[in-house]
Amino acid sequence: PLSGRKNIFSHPVFRAAAVILLLLASSWVLLFYRYDPDRI
């Protein structure tokens, strides 16, 4: 059942990976914003 599959994606491994990817994405957005020549 689909509900059983959801248990897999609620596994801590997936949650940790999602958090890490979100942090990395936020970091890159900040990096590109901070070092935009026109903005500076």
PDB file of all heavy atoms in Angstrom:
ATOM      1  N   PRO A   1       0.828  -1.222   0.000  1.00  0.00           N
ATOM      2  CA  PRO A   1       0.000   0.000   0.000  1.00  0.00           C
ATOM      3  C   PRO A   1       0.849   1.253   0.000  1.00  0.00           C
ATOM      4  O   PRO A   1       1.973   1.261   0.494  1.00  0.00           O
ATOM      5  CB  PRO A   1      -0.797  -0.131   1.307  1.00  0.00           C
ATOM      6  CG  PRO A   1      -0.795  -1.596   1.619  1.00  0.00           C
ATOM      7  CD  PRO A   1       0.509  -2.117   1.116  1.00  0.00           C
ATOM      8  N   LEU A   2       0.271   2.325  -0.574  1.00  0.00           N
ATOM      9  CA  LEU A   2       0.979   3.601  -0.652  1.00  0.00           C
ATOM     10  C   LEU A   2       1.381   4.091   0.728  1.00  0.00           C
ATOM     11  O   LEU A   2       2.448   4.673   0.900  1.00  0.00           O
ATOM     12  CB  LEU A   2       0.093   4.643  -1.342  1.00  0.00           C
ATOM     13  CG  LEU A   2       0.703   6.015  -1.570  1.00  0.00           C
ATOM     14  CD1 LEU A   2       1.947   5.903  -2.447  1.00  0.00           C
ATOM     15  CD2 LEU A   2      -0.311   6.955  -2.199  1.00  0.00           C
ATOM     16  N   SER A   3       0.524   3.829   1.732  1.00  0.00           N
ATOM     17  CA  SER A   3       0.852   4.280   3.083  1.00  0.00           C
ATOM     18  C   SER A   3       2.120   3.627   3.588  1.00  0.00           C
ATOM     19  O   SER A   3       2.902   4.215   4.327  1.00  0.00           O
ATOM     20  CB  SER A   3      -0.311   3.977   4.036  1.00  0.00           C
ATOM     21  OG  SER A   3      -0.568   2.571   4.050  1.00  0.00           O
ATOM     22  N   GLY A   4       2.343   2.359   3.148  1.00  0.00           N
ATOM     23  CA  GLY A   4       3.574   1.674   3.539  1.00  0.00           C
ATOM     24  C   GLY A   4       4.779   2.300   2.909  1.00  0.00           C
ATOM     25  O   GLY A   4       5.843   2.413   3.511  1.00  0.00           O
ATOM     26  N   ARG A   5       4.630   2.750   1.667  1.00  0.00           N
ATOM     27  CA  ARG A   5       5.735   3.411   0.987  1.00  0.00           C
ATOM     28  C   ARG A   5       6.085   4.734   1.652  1.00  0.00           C
ATOM     29  O   ARG A   5       7.230   5.127   1.726  1.00  0.00           O
ATOM     30  CB  ARG A   5       5.373   3.655  -0.475  1.00  0.00           C
ATOM     31  CG  ARG A   5       5.210   2.367  -1.282  1.00  0.00           C
ATOM     32  CD  ARG A   5       4.802   2.678  -2.703  1.00  0.00           C
ATOM     33  NE  ARG A   5       4.525   1.451  -3.431  1.00  0.00           N
ATOM     34  CZ  ARG A   5       4.031   1.430  -4.656  1.00  0.00           C
ATOM     35  NH1 ARG A   5       3.738   2.564  -5.277  1.00  0.00           N
ATOM     36  NH2 ARG A   5       3.816   0.287  -5.267  1.00  0.00           N
ATOM     37  N   LYS A   6       5.073   5.402   2.137  1.00  0.00           N
ATOM     38  CA  LYS A   6       5.327   6.673   2.803  1.00  0.00           C
ATOM     39  C   LYS A   6       6.240   6.500   3.998  1.00  0.00           C
ATOM     40  O   LYS A   6       7.033   7.380   4.330  1.00  0.00           O
ATOM     41  CB  LYS A   6       4.009   7.307   3.244  1.00  0.00           C
ATOM     42  CG  LYS A   6       3.179   7.886   2.095  1.00  0.00           C
ATOM     43  CD  LYS A   6       1.933   8.541   2.628  1.00  0.00           C
ATOM     44  CE  LYS A   6       1.116   9.132   1.485  1.00  0.00           C
ATOM     45  NZ  LYS A   6      -0.127   9.756   1.978  1.00  0.00           N
ATOM     46  N   ASN A   7       6.138   5.339   4.620  1.00  0.00           N
ATOM     47  CA  ASN A   7       7.006   5.095   5.774  1.00  0.00           C
ATOM     48  C   ASN A   7       8.471   5.114   5.382  1.00  0.00           C
ATOM     49  O   ASN A   7       9.326   5.517   6.157  1.00  0.00           O
ATOM     50  CB  ASN A   7       6.657   3.753   6.429  1.00  0.00           C
ATOM     51  CG  ASN A   7       5.306   3.799   7.131  1.00  0.00           C
ATOM     52  OD1 ASN A   7       4.883   4.879   7.543  1.00  0.00           O
ATOM     53  ND2 ASN A   7       4.648   2.658   7.246  1.00  0.00           N
ATOM     54  N   ILE A   8       8.757   4.649   4.163  1.00  0.00           N
ATOM     55  CA  ILE A   8      10.145   4.652   3.696  1.00  0.00           C
ATOM     56  C   ILE A   8      10.658   6.087   3.584  1.00  0.00           C
ATOM     57  O   ILE A   8      11.745   6.418   4.038  1.00  0.00           O
ATOM     58  CB  ILE A   8      10.260   3.946   2.322  1.00  0.00           C
ATOM     59  CG1 ILE A   8       9.854   2.473   2.461  1.00  0.00           C
ATOM     60  CG2 ILE A   8      11.682   4.055   1.768  1.00  0.00           C
ATOM     61  CD1 ILE A   8       9.819   1.728   1.146  1.00  0.00           C
ATOM     62  N   PHE A   9       9.837   6.977   2.981  1.00  0.00           N
ATOM     63  CA  PHE A   9      10.289   8.338   2.754  1.00  0.00           C
ATOM     64  C   PHE A   9      10.238   9.205   4.007  1.00  0.00           C
ATOM     65  O   PHE A   9      10.752  10.313   4.005  1.00  0.00           O
ATOM     66  CB  PHE A   9       9.470   8.977   1.624  1.00  0.00           C
ATOM     67  CG  PHE A   9       9.736   8.357   0.298  1.00  0.00           C
ATOM     68  CD1 PHE A   9       8.859   7.409  -0.219  1.00  0.00           C
ATOM     69  CD2 PHE A   9      10.875   8.673  -0.423  1.00  0.00           C
ATOM     70  CE1 PHE A   9       9.127   6.817  -1.438  1.00  0.00           C
ATOM     71  CE2 PHE A   9      11.141   8.079  -1.641  1.00  0.00           C
ATOM     72  CZ  PHE A   9      10.264   7.139  -2.153  1.00  0.00           C
ATOM     73  N   SER A  10       9.596   8.663   5.053  1.00  0.00           N
ATOM     74  CA  SER A  10       9.634   9.374   6.324  1.00  0.00           C
ATOM     75  C   SER A  10      10.801   8.899   7.182  1.00  0.00           C
ATOM     76  O   SER A  10      10.976   9.351   8.309  1.00  0.00           O
ATOM     77  CB  SER A  10       8.317   9.173   7.086  1.00  0.00           C
ATOM     78  OG  SER A  10       8.154   7.805   7.437  1.00  0.00           O
ATOM     79  N   HIS A  11      11.596   7.992   6.603  1.00  0.00           N
ATOM     80  CA  HIS A  11      12.763   7.463   7.322  1.00  0.00           C
ATOM     81  C   HIS A  11      13.735   8.602   7.639  1.00  0.00           C
ATOM     82  O   HIS A  11      13.896   9.532   6.842  1.00  0.00           O
ATOM     83  CB  HIS A  11      13.453   6.411   6.451  1.00  0.00           C
ATOM     84  CG  HIS A  11      14.477   5.614   7.179  1.00  0.00           C
ATOM     85  ND1 HIS A  11      15.754   6.043   7.351  1.00  0.00           N
ATOM     86  CD2 HIS A  11      14.379   4.417   7.798  1.00  0.00           C
ATOM     87  CE1 HIS A  11      16.435   5.143   8.032  1.00  0.00           C
ATOM     88  NE2 HIS A  11      15.620   4.139   8.315  1.00  0.00           N
ATOM     89  N   PRO A  12      14.385   8.566   8.780  1.00  0.00           N
ATOM     90  CA  PRO A  12      15.321   9.638   9.164  1.00  0.00           C
ATOM     91  C   PRO A  12      16.399   9.923   8.130  1.00  0.00           C
ATOM     92  O   PRO A  12      16.856  11.053   8.006  1.00  0.00           O
ATOM     93  CB  PRO A  12      15.925   9.113  10.465  1.00  0.00           C
ATOM     94  CG  PRO A  12      14.855   8.239  11.037  1.00  0.00           C
ATOM     95  CD  PRO A  12      14.189   7.580   9.865  1.00  0.00           C
ATOM     96  N   VAL A  13      16.807   8.896   7.378  1.00  0.00           N
ATOM     97  CA  VAL A  13      17.840   9.109   6.347  1.00  0.00           C
ATOM     98  C   VAL A  13      17.360  10.119   5.323  1.00  0.00           C
ATOM     99  O   VAL A  13      18.076  11.040   4.943  1.00  0.00           O
ATOM    100  CB  VAL A  13      18.208   7.777   5.662  1.00  0.00           C
ATOM    101  CG1 VAL A  13      19.142   8.029   4.480  1.00  0.00           C
ATOM    102  CG2 VAL A  13      18.840   6.822   6.647  1.00  0.00           C
ATOM    103  N   PHE A  14      16.125   9.930   4.869  1.00  0.00           N
ATOM    104  CA  PHE A  14      15.573  10.840   3.867  1.00  0.00           C
ATOM    105  C   PHE A  14      15.370  12.230   4.453  1.00  0.00           C
ATOM    106  O   PHE A  14      15.599  13.242   3.797  1.00  0.00           O
ATOM    107  CB  PHE A  14      14.255  10.289   3.324  1.00  0.00           C
ATOM    108  CG  PHE A  14      14.409   9.042   2.507  1.00  0.00           C
ATOM    109  CD1 PHE A  14      14.122   7.799   3.049  1.00  0.00           C
ATOM    110  CD2 PHE A  14      14.853   9.109   1.194  1.00  0.00           C
ATOM    111  CE1 PHE A  14      14.278   6.650   2.302  1.00  0.00           C
ATOM    112  CE2 PHE A  14      15.009   7.959   0.434  1.00  0.00           C
ATOM    113  CZ  PHE A  14      14.726   6.714   0.989  1.00  0.00           C
ATOM    114  N   ARG A  15      14.908  12.289   5.691  1.00  0.00           N
ATOM    115  CA  ARG A  15      14.698  13.589   6.323  1.00  0.00           C
ATOM    116  C   ARG A  15      16.031  14.339   6.483  1.00  0.00           C
ATOM    117  O   ARG A  15      16.117  15.542   6.261  1.00  0.00           O
ATOM    118  CB  ARG A  15      14.013  13.407   7.686  1.00  0.00           C
ATOM    119  CG  ARG A  15      12.581  12.903   7.580  1.00  0.00           C
ATOM    120  CD  ARG A  15      11.794  13.246   8.846  1.00  0.00           C
ATOM    121  NE  ARG A  15      12.364  12.628  10.018  1.00  0.00           N
ATOM    122  CZ  ARG A  15      12.023  11.421  10.480  1.00  0.00           C
ATOM    123  NH1 ARG A  15      11.111  10.709   9.825  1.00  0.00           N
ATOM    124  NH2 ARG A  15      12.576  10.937  11.573  1.00  0.00           N
ATOM    125  N   ALA A  16      17.065  13.603   6.884  1.00  0.00           N
ATOM    126  CA  ALA A  16      18.384  14.230   7.039  1.00  0.00           C
ATOM    127  C   ALA A  16      18.898  14.760   5.711  1.00  0.00           C
ATOM    128  O   ALA A  16      19.426  15.868   5.615  1.00  0.00           O
ATOM    129  CB  ALA A  16      19.370  13.232   7.631  1.00  0.00           C
ATOM    130  N   ALA A  17      18.716  13.937   4.652  1.00  0.00           N
ATOM    131  CA  ALA A  17      19.185  14.348   3.330  1.00  0.00           C
ATOM    132  C   ALA A  17      18.452  15.603   2.863  1.00  0.00           C
ATOM    133  O   ALA A  17      19.049  16.514   2.287  1.00  0.00           O
ATOM    134  CB  ALA A  17      18.985  13.212   2.327  1.00  0.00           C
ATOM    135  N   ALA A  18      17.133  15.660   3.138  1.00  0.00           N
ATOM    136  CA  ALA A  18      16.351  16.829   2.727  1.00  0.00           C
ATOM    137  C   ALA A  18      16.816  18.084   3.438  1.00  0.00           C
ATOM    138  O   ALA A  18      16.940  19.151   2.834  1.00  0.00           O
ATOM    139  CB  ALA A  18      14.871  16.578   3.012  1.00  0.00           C
ATOM    140  N   VAL A  19      17.102  17.957   4.738  1.00  0.00           N
ATOM    141  CA  VAL A  19      17.578  19.108   5.507  1.00  0.00           C
ATOM    142  C   VAL A  19      18.915  19.587   4.978  1.00  0.00           C
ATOM    143  O   VAL A  19      19.151  20.788   4.798  1.00  0.00           O
ATOM    144  CB  VAL A  19      17.680  18.756   7.002  1.00  0.00           C
ATOM    145  CG1 VAL A  19      18.388  19.872   7.759  1.00  0.00           C
ATOM    146  CG2 VAL A  19      16.297  18.521   7.585  1.00  0.00           C
ATOM    147  N   ILE A  20      19.818  18.639   4.706  1.00  0.00           N
ATOM    148  CA  ILE A  20      21.157  18.992   4.224  1.00  0.00           C
ATOM    149  C   ILE A  20      21.069  19.680   2.864  1.00  0.00           C
ATOM    150  O   ILE A  20      21.716  20.697   2.613  1.00  0.00           O
ATOM    151  CB  ILE A  20      22.046  17.742   4.139  1.00  0.00           C
ATOM    152  CG1 ILE A  20      22.340  17.225   5.553  1.00  0.00           C
ATOM    153  CG2 ILE A  20      23.357  18.046   3.413  1.00  0.00           C
ATOM    154  CD1 ILE A  20      22.984  15.862   5.579  1.00  0.00           C
ATOM    155  N   LEU A  21      20.236  19.135   1.963  1.00  0.00           N
ATOM    156  CA  LEU A  21      20.088  19.742   0.640  1.00  0.00           C
ATOM    157  C   LEU A  21      19.512  21.147   0.744  1.00  0.00           C
ATOM    158  O   LEU A  21      19.920  22.052   0.013  1.00  0.00           O
ATOM    159  CB  LEU A  21      19.181  18.869  -0.240  1.00  0.00           C
ATOM    160  CG  LEU A  21      19.804  17.564  -0.752  1.00  0.00           C
ATOM    161  CD1 LEU A  21      18.758  16.725  -1.466  1.00  0.00           C
ATOM    162  CD2 LEU A  21      20.983  17.853  -1.678  1.00  0.00           C
ATOM    163  N   LEU A  22      18.556  21.330   1.664  1.00  0.00           N
ATOM    164  CA  LEU A  22      17.968  22.655   1.844  1.00  0.00           C
ATOM    165  C   LEU A  22      18.999  23.650   2.348  1.00  0.00           C
ATOM    166  O   LEU A  22      19.078  24.791   1.872  1.00  0.00           O
ATOM    167  CB  LEU A  22      16.805  22.574   2.833  1.00  0.00           C
ATOM    168  CG  LEU A  22      16.076  23.890   3.130  1.00  0.00           C
ATOM    169  CD1 LEU A  22      15.474  24.465   1.846  1.00  0.00           C
ATOM    170  CD2 LEU A  22      14.993  23.673   4.164  1.00  0.00           C
ATOM    171  N   LEU A  23      19.837  23.213   3.292  1.00  0.00           N
ATOM    172  CA  LEU A  23      20.878  24.091   3.818  1.00  0.00           C
ATOM    173  C   LEU A  23      21.879  24.464   2.730  1.00  0.00           C
ATOM    174  O   LEU A  23      22.298  25.612   2.618  1.00  0.00           O
ATOM    175  CB  LEU A  23      21.601  23.407   4.985  1.00  0.00           C
ATOM    176  CG  LEU A  23      20.811  23.300   6.293  1.00  0.00           C
ATOM    177  CD1 LEU A  23      21.548  22.407   7.273  1.00  0.00           C
ATOM    178  CD2 LEU A  23      20.580  24.673   6.904  1.00  0.00           C
ATOM    179  N   LEU A  24      22.262  23.472   1.925  1.00  0.00           N
ATOM    180  CA  LEU A  24      23.236  23.742   0.856  1.00  0.00           C
ATOM    181  C   LEU A  24      22.655  24.682  -0.191  1.00  0.00           C
ATOM    182  O   LEU A  24      23.335  25.588  -0.674  1.00  0.00           O
ATOM    183  CB  LEU A  24      23.678  22.425   0.211  1.00  0.00           C
ATOM    184  CG  LEU A  24      24.552  21.517   1.079  1.00  0.00           C
ATOM    185  CD1 LEU A  24      24.792  20.184   0.386  1.00  0.00           C
ATOM    186  CD2 LEU A  24      25.879  22.193   1.412  1.00  0.00           C
ATOM    187  N   ALA A  25      21.386  24.460  -0.540  1.00  0.00           N
ATOM    188  CA  ALA A  25      20.746  25.335  -1.534  1.00  0.00           C
ATOM    189  C   ALA A  25      20.667  26.764  -1.022  1.00  0.00           C
ATOM    190  O   ALA A  25      20.951  27.715  -1.755  1.00  0.00           O
ATOM    191  CB  ALA A  25      19.351  24.812  -1.864  1.00  0.00           C
ATOM    192  N   SER A  26      20.310  26.919   0.238  1.00  0.00           N
ATOM    193  CA  SER A  26      20.230  28.263   0.830  1.00  0.00           C
ATOM    194  C   SER A  26      21.597  28.931   0.837  1.00  0.00           C
ATOM    195  O   SER A  26      21.722  30.127   0.589  1.00  0.00           O
ATOM    196  CB  SER A  26      19.698  28.169   2.266  1.00  0.00           C
ATOM    197  OG  SER A  26      18.402  27.628   2.263  1.00  0.00           O
ATOM    198  N   SER A  27      22.630  28.126   1.103  1.00  0.00           N
ATOM    199  CA  SER A  27      23.985  28.668   1.123  1.00  0.00           C
ATOM    200  C   SER A  27      24.398  29.186  -0.239  1.00  0.00           C
ATOM    201  O   SER A  27      24.985  30.256  -0.371  1.00  0.00           O
ATOM    202  CB  SER A  27      24.969  27.583   1.587  1.00  0.00           C
ATOM    203  OG  SER A  27      26.291  28.049   1.519  1.00  0.00           O
ATOM    204  N   TRP A  28      24.056  28.434  -1.300  1.00  0.00           N
ATOM    205  CA  TRP A  28      24.438  28.860  -2.643  1.00  0.00           C
ATOM    206  C   TRP A  28      23.668  30.097  -3.076  1.00  0.00           C
ATOM    207  O   TRP A  28      24.211  30.989  -3.725  1.00  0.00           O
ATOM    208  CB  TRP A  28      24.210  27.713  -3.639  1.00  0.00           C
ATOM    209  CG  TRP A  28      25.359  26.774  -3.669  1.00  0.00           C
ATOM    210  CD1 TRP A  28      25.415  25.526  -3.147  1.00  0.00           C
ATOM    211  CD2 TRP A  28      26.653  27.023  -4.215  1.00  0.00           C
ATOM    212  NE1 TRP A  28      26.662  24.982  -3.331  1.00  0.00           N
ATOM    213  CE2 TRP A  28      27.433  25.867  -3.987  1.00  0.00           C
ATOM    214  CE3 TRP A  28      27.232  28.112  -4.864  1.00  0.00           C
ATOM    215  CZ2 TRP A  28      28.752  25.773  -4.399  1.00  0.00           C
ATOM    216  CZ3 TRP A  28      28.548  28.020  -5.284  1.00  0.00           C
ATOM    217  CH2 TRP A  28      29.288  26.861  -5.049  1.00  0.00           C
ATOM    218  N   VAL A  29      22.384  30.170  -2.714  1.00  0.00           N
ATOM    219  CA  VAL A  29      21.607  31.366  -3.043  1.00  0.00           C
ATOM    220  C   VAL A  29      22.227  32.590  -2.388  1.00  0.00           C
ATOM    221  O   VAL A  29      22.387  33.643  -3.007  1.00  0.00           O
ATOM    222  CB  VAL A  29      20.134  31.200  -2.592  1.00  0.00           C
ATOM    223  CG1 VAL A  29      19.396  32.537  -2.687  1.00  0.00           C
ATOM    224  CG2 VAL A  29      19.433  30.158  -3.449  1.00  0.00           C
ATOM    225  N   LEU A  30      22.600  32.453  -1.120  1.00  0.00           N
ATOM    226  CA  LEU A  30      23.237  33.557  -0.402  1.00  0.00           C
ATOM    227  C   LEU A  30      24.566  33.928  -1.048  1.00  0.00           C
ATOM    228  O   LEU A  30      24.897  35.110  -1.190  1.00  0.00           O
ATOM    229  CB  LEU A  30      23.455  33.156   1.062  1.00  0.00           C
ATOM    230  CG  LEU A  30      24.208  34.174   1.925  1.00  0.00           C
ATOM    231  CD1 LEU A  30      23.407  35.469   2.040  1.00  0.00           C
ATOM    232  CD2 LEU A  30      24.469  33.597   3.317  1.00  0.00           C
ATOM    233  N   LEU A  31      25.329  32.922  -1.460  1.00  0.00           N
ATOM    234  CA  LEU A  31      26.636  33.171  -2.077  1.00  0.00           C
ATOM    235  C   LEU A  31      26.494  33.964  -3.370  1.00  0.00           C
ATOM    236  O   LEU A  31      27.186  34.955  -3.586  1.00  0.00           O
ATOM    237  CB  LEU A  31      27.337  31.834  -2.353  1.00  0.00           C
ATOM    238  CG  LEU A  31      28.740  31.905  -2.963  1.00  0.00           C
ATOM    239  CD1 LEU A  31      29.720  32.559  -1.995  1.00  0.00           C
ATOM    240  CD2 LEU A  31      29.223  30.519  -3.353  1.00  0.00           C
ATOM    241  N   PHE A  32      25.575  33.540  -4.239  1.00  0.00           N
ATOM    242  CA  PHE A  32      25.397  34.229  -5.518  1.00  0.00           C
ATOM    243  C   PHE A  32      24.839  35.627  -5.321  1.00  0.00           C
ATOM    244  O   PHE A  32      25.185  36.545  -6.058  1.00  0.00           O
ATOM    245  CB  PHE A  32      24.476  33.414  -6.437  1.00  0.00           C
ATOM    246  CG  PHE A  32      25.090  32.127  -6.899  1.00  0.00           C
ATOM    247  CD1 PHE A  32      24.353  30.951  -6.912  1.00  0.00           C
ATOM    248  CD2 PHE A  32      26.412  32.076  -7.298  1.00  0.00           C
ATOM    249  CE1 PHE A  32      24.925  29.760  -7.334  1.00  0.00           C
ATOM    250  CE2 PHE A  32      26.991  30.888  -7.709  1.00  0.00           C
ATOM    251  CZ  PHE A  32      26.239  29.725  -7.734  1.00  0.00           C
ATOM    252  N   TYR A  33      23.977  35.804  -4.321  1.00  0.00           N
ATOM    253  CA  TYR A  33      23.439  37.135  -4.050  1.00  0.00           C
ATOM    254  C   TYR A  33      24.538  38.062  -3.536  1.00  0.00           C
ATOM    255  O   TYR A  33      24.667  39.201  -3.990  1.00  0.00           O
ATOM    256  CB  TYR A  33      22.320  37.041  -3.012  1.00  0.00           C
ATOM    257  CG  TYR A  33      21.821  38.391  -2.539  1.00  0.00           C
ATOM    258  CD1 TYR A  33      20.985  39.159  -3.337  1.00  0.00           C
ATOM    259  CD2 TYR A  33      22.205  38.898  -1.295  1.00  0.00           C
ATOM    260  CE1 TYR A  33      20.535  40.397  -2.911  1.00  0.00           C
ATOM    261  CE2 TYR A  33      21.755  40.134  -0.865  1.00  0.00           C
ATOM    262  CZ  TYR A  33      20.927  40.871  -1.681  1.00  0.00           C
ATOM    263  OH  TYR A  33      20.496  42.096  -1.257  1.00  0.00           O
ATOM    264  N   ARG A  34      25.332  37.561  -2.595  1.00  0.00           N
ATOM    265  CA  ARG A  34      26.367  38.388  -1.994  1.00  0.00           C
ATOM    266  C   ARG A  34      27.415  38.810  -3.016  1.00  0.00           C
ATOM    267  O   ARG A  34      27.943  39.922  -2.955  1.00  0.00           O
ATOM    268  CB  ARG A  34      27.036  37.632  -0.841  1.00  0.00           C
ATOM    269  CG  ARG A  34      28.172  38.396  -0.175  1.00  0.00           C
ATOM    270  CD  ARG A  34      28.712  37.623   1.012  1.00  0.00           C
ATOM    271  NE  ARG A  34      29.923  38.209   1.543  1.00  0.00           N
ATOM    272  CZ  ARG A  34      29.972  39.244   2.361  1.00  0.00           C
ATOM    273  NH1 ARG A  34      28.846  39.806   2.743  1.00  0.00           N
ATOM    274  NH2 ARG A  34      31.114  39.716   2.807  1.00  0.00           N
ATOM    275  N   TYR A  35      27.719  37.934  -3.963  1.00  0.00           N
ATOM    276  CA  TYR A  35      28.778  38.227  -4.925  1.00  0.00           C
ATOM    277  C   TYR A  35      28.243  38.556  -6.316  1.00  0.00           C
ATOM    278  O   TYR A  35      28.865  38.222  -7.319  1.00  0.00           O
ATOM    279  CB  TYR A  35      29.765  37.055  -4.975  1.00  0.00           C
ATOM    280  CG  TYR A  35      30.570  36.970  -3.701  1.00  0.00           C
ATOM    281  CD1 TYR A  35      30.216  36.095  -2.688  1.00  0.00           C
ATOM    282  CD2 TYR A  35      31.655  37.811  -3.492  1.00  0.00           C
ATOM    283  CE1 TYR A  35      30.931  36.041  -1.499  1.00  0.00           C
ATOM    284  CE2 TYR A  35      32.378  37.765  -2.309  1.00  0.00           C
ATOM    285  CZ  TYR A  35      32.002  36.871  -1.323  1.00  0.00           C
ATOM    286  OH  TYR A  35      32.710  36.837  -0.148  1.00  0.00           O
ATOM    287  N   ASP A  36      27.106  39.226  -6.362  1.00  0.00           N
ATOM    288  CA  ASP A  36      26.581  39.731  -7.627  1.00  0.00           C
ATOM    289  C   ASP A  36      27.208  41.103  -7.882  1.00  0.00           C
ATOM    290  O   ASP A  36      26.999  42.036  -7.092  1.00  0.00           O
ATOM    291  CB  ASP A  36      25.069  39.856  -7.557  1.00  0.00           C
ATOM    292  CG  ASP A  36      24.503  40.512  -8.804  1.00  0.00           C
ATOM    293  OD1 ASP A  36      24.714  39.978  -9.892  1.00  0.00           O
ATOM    294  OD2 ASP A  36      23.882  41.581  -8.682  1.00  0.00           O
ATOM    295  N   PRO A  37      27.990  41.268  -8.959  1.00  0.00           N
ATOM    296  CA  PRO A  37      28.704  42.536  -9.198  1.00  0.00           C
ATOM    297  C   PRO A  37      27.791  43.750  -9.259  1.00  0.00           C
ATOM    298  O   PRO A  37      28.097  44.798  -8.681  1.00  0.00           O
ATOM    299  CB  PRO A  37      29.408  42.296 -10.539  1.00  0.00           C
ATOM    300  CG  PRO A  37      29.532  40.820 -10.647  1.00  0.00           C
ATOM    301  CD  PRO A  37      28.300  40.271  -9.987  1.00  0.00           C
ATOM    302  N   ASP A  38      26.672  43.631  -9.970  1.00  0.00           N
ATOM    303  CA  ASP A  38      25.778  44.782 -10.108  1.00  0.00           C
ATOM    304  C   ASP A  38      25.203  45.183  -8.751  1.00  0.00           C
ATOM    305  O   ASP A  38      25.089  46.377  -8.447  1.00  0.00           O
ATOM    306  CB  ASP A  38      24.651  44.444 -11.087  1.00  0.00           C
ATOM    307  CG  ASP A  38      23.731  45.630 -11.317  1.00  0.00           C
ATOM    308  OD1 ASP A  38      24.177  46.614 -11.941  1.00  0.00           O
ATOM    309  OD2 ASP A  38      22.574  45.590 -10.864  1.00  0.00           O
ATOM    310  N   ARG A  39      24.845  44.206  -7.929  1.00  0.00           N
ATOM    311  CA  ARG A  39      24.298  44.521  -6.613  1.00  0.00           C
ATOM    312  C   ARG A  39      25.342  45.219  -5.746  1.00  0.00           C
ATOM    313  O   ARG A  39      25.044  46.198  -5.052  1.00  0.00           O
ATOM    314  CB  ARG A  39      23.832  43.236  -5.908  1.00  0.00           C
ATOM    315  CG  ARG A  39      23.180  43.501  -4.551  1.00  0.00           C
ATOM    316  CD  ARG A  39      23.017  42.218  -3.765  1.00  0.00           C
ATOM    317  NE  ARG A  39      24.314  41.649  -3.430  1.00  0.00           N
ATOM    318  CZ  ARG A  39      25.075  42.056  -2.424  1.00  0.00           C
ATOM    319  NH1 ARG A  39      24.695  43.078  -1.668  1.00  0.00           N
ATOM    320  NH2 ARG A  39      26.226  41.486  -2.168  1.00  0.00           N
ATOM    321  N   ILE A  40      26.584  44.727  -5.789  1.00  0.00           N
ATOM    322  CA  ILE A  40      27.651  45.328  -4.983  1.00  0.00           C
ATOM    323  C   ILE A  40      27.873  46.780  -5.407  1.00  0.00           C
ATOM    324  O   ILE A  40      27.987  47.681  -4.575  1.00  0.00           O
ATOM    325  CB  ILE A  40      28.952  44.517  -5.128  1.00  0.00           C
ATOM    326  CG1 ILE A  40      28.773  43.136  -4.478  1.00  0.00           C
ATOM    327  CG2 ILE A  40      30.132  45.251  -4.491  1.00  0.00           C
ATOM    328  CD1 ILE A  40      29.926  42.197  -4.742  1.00  0.00           C
TER     329      ILE A  40
END
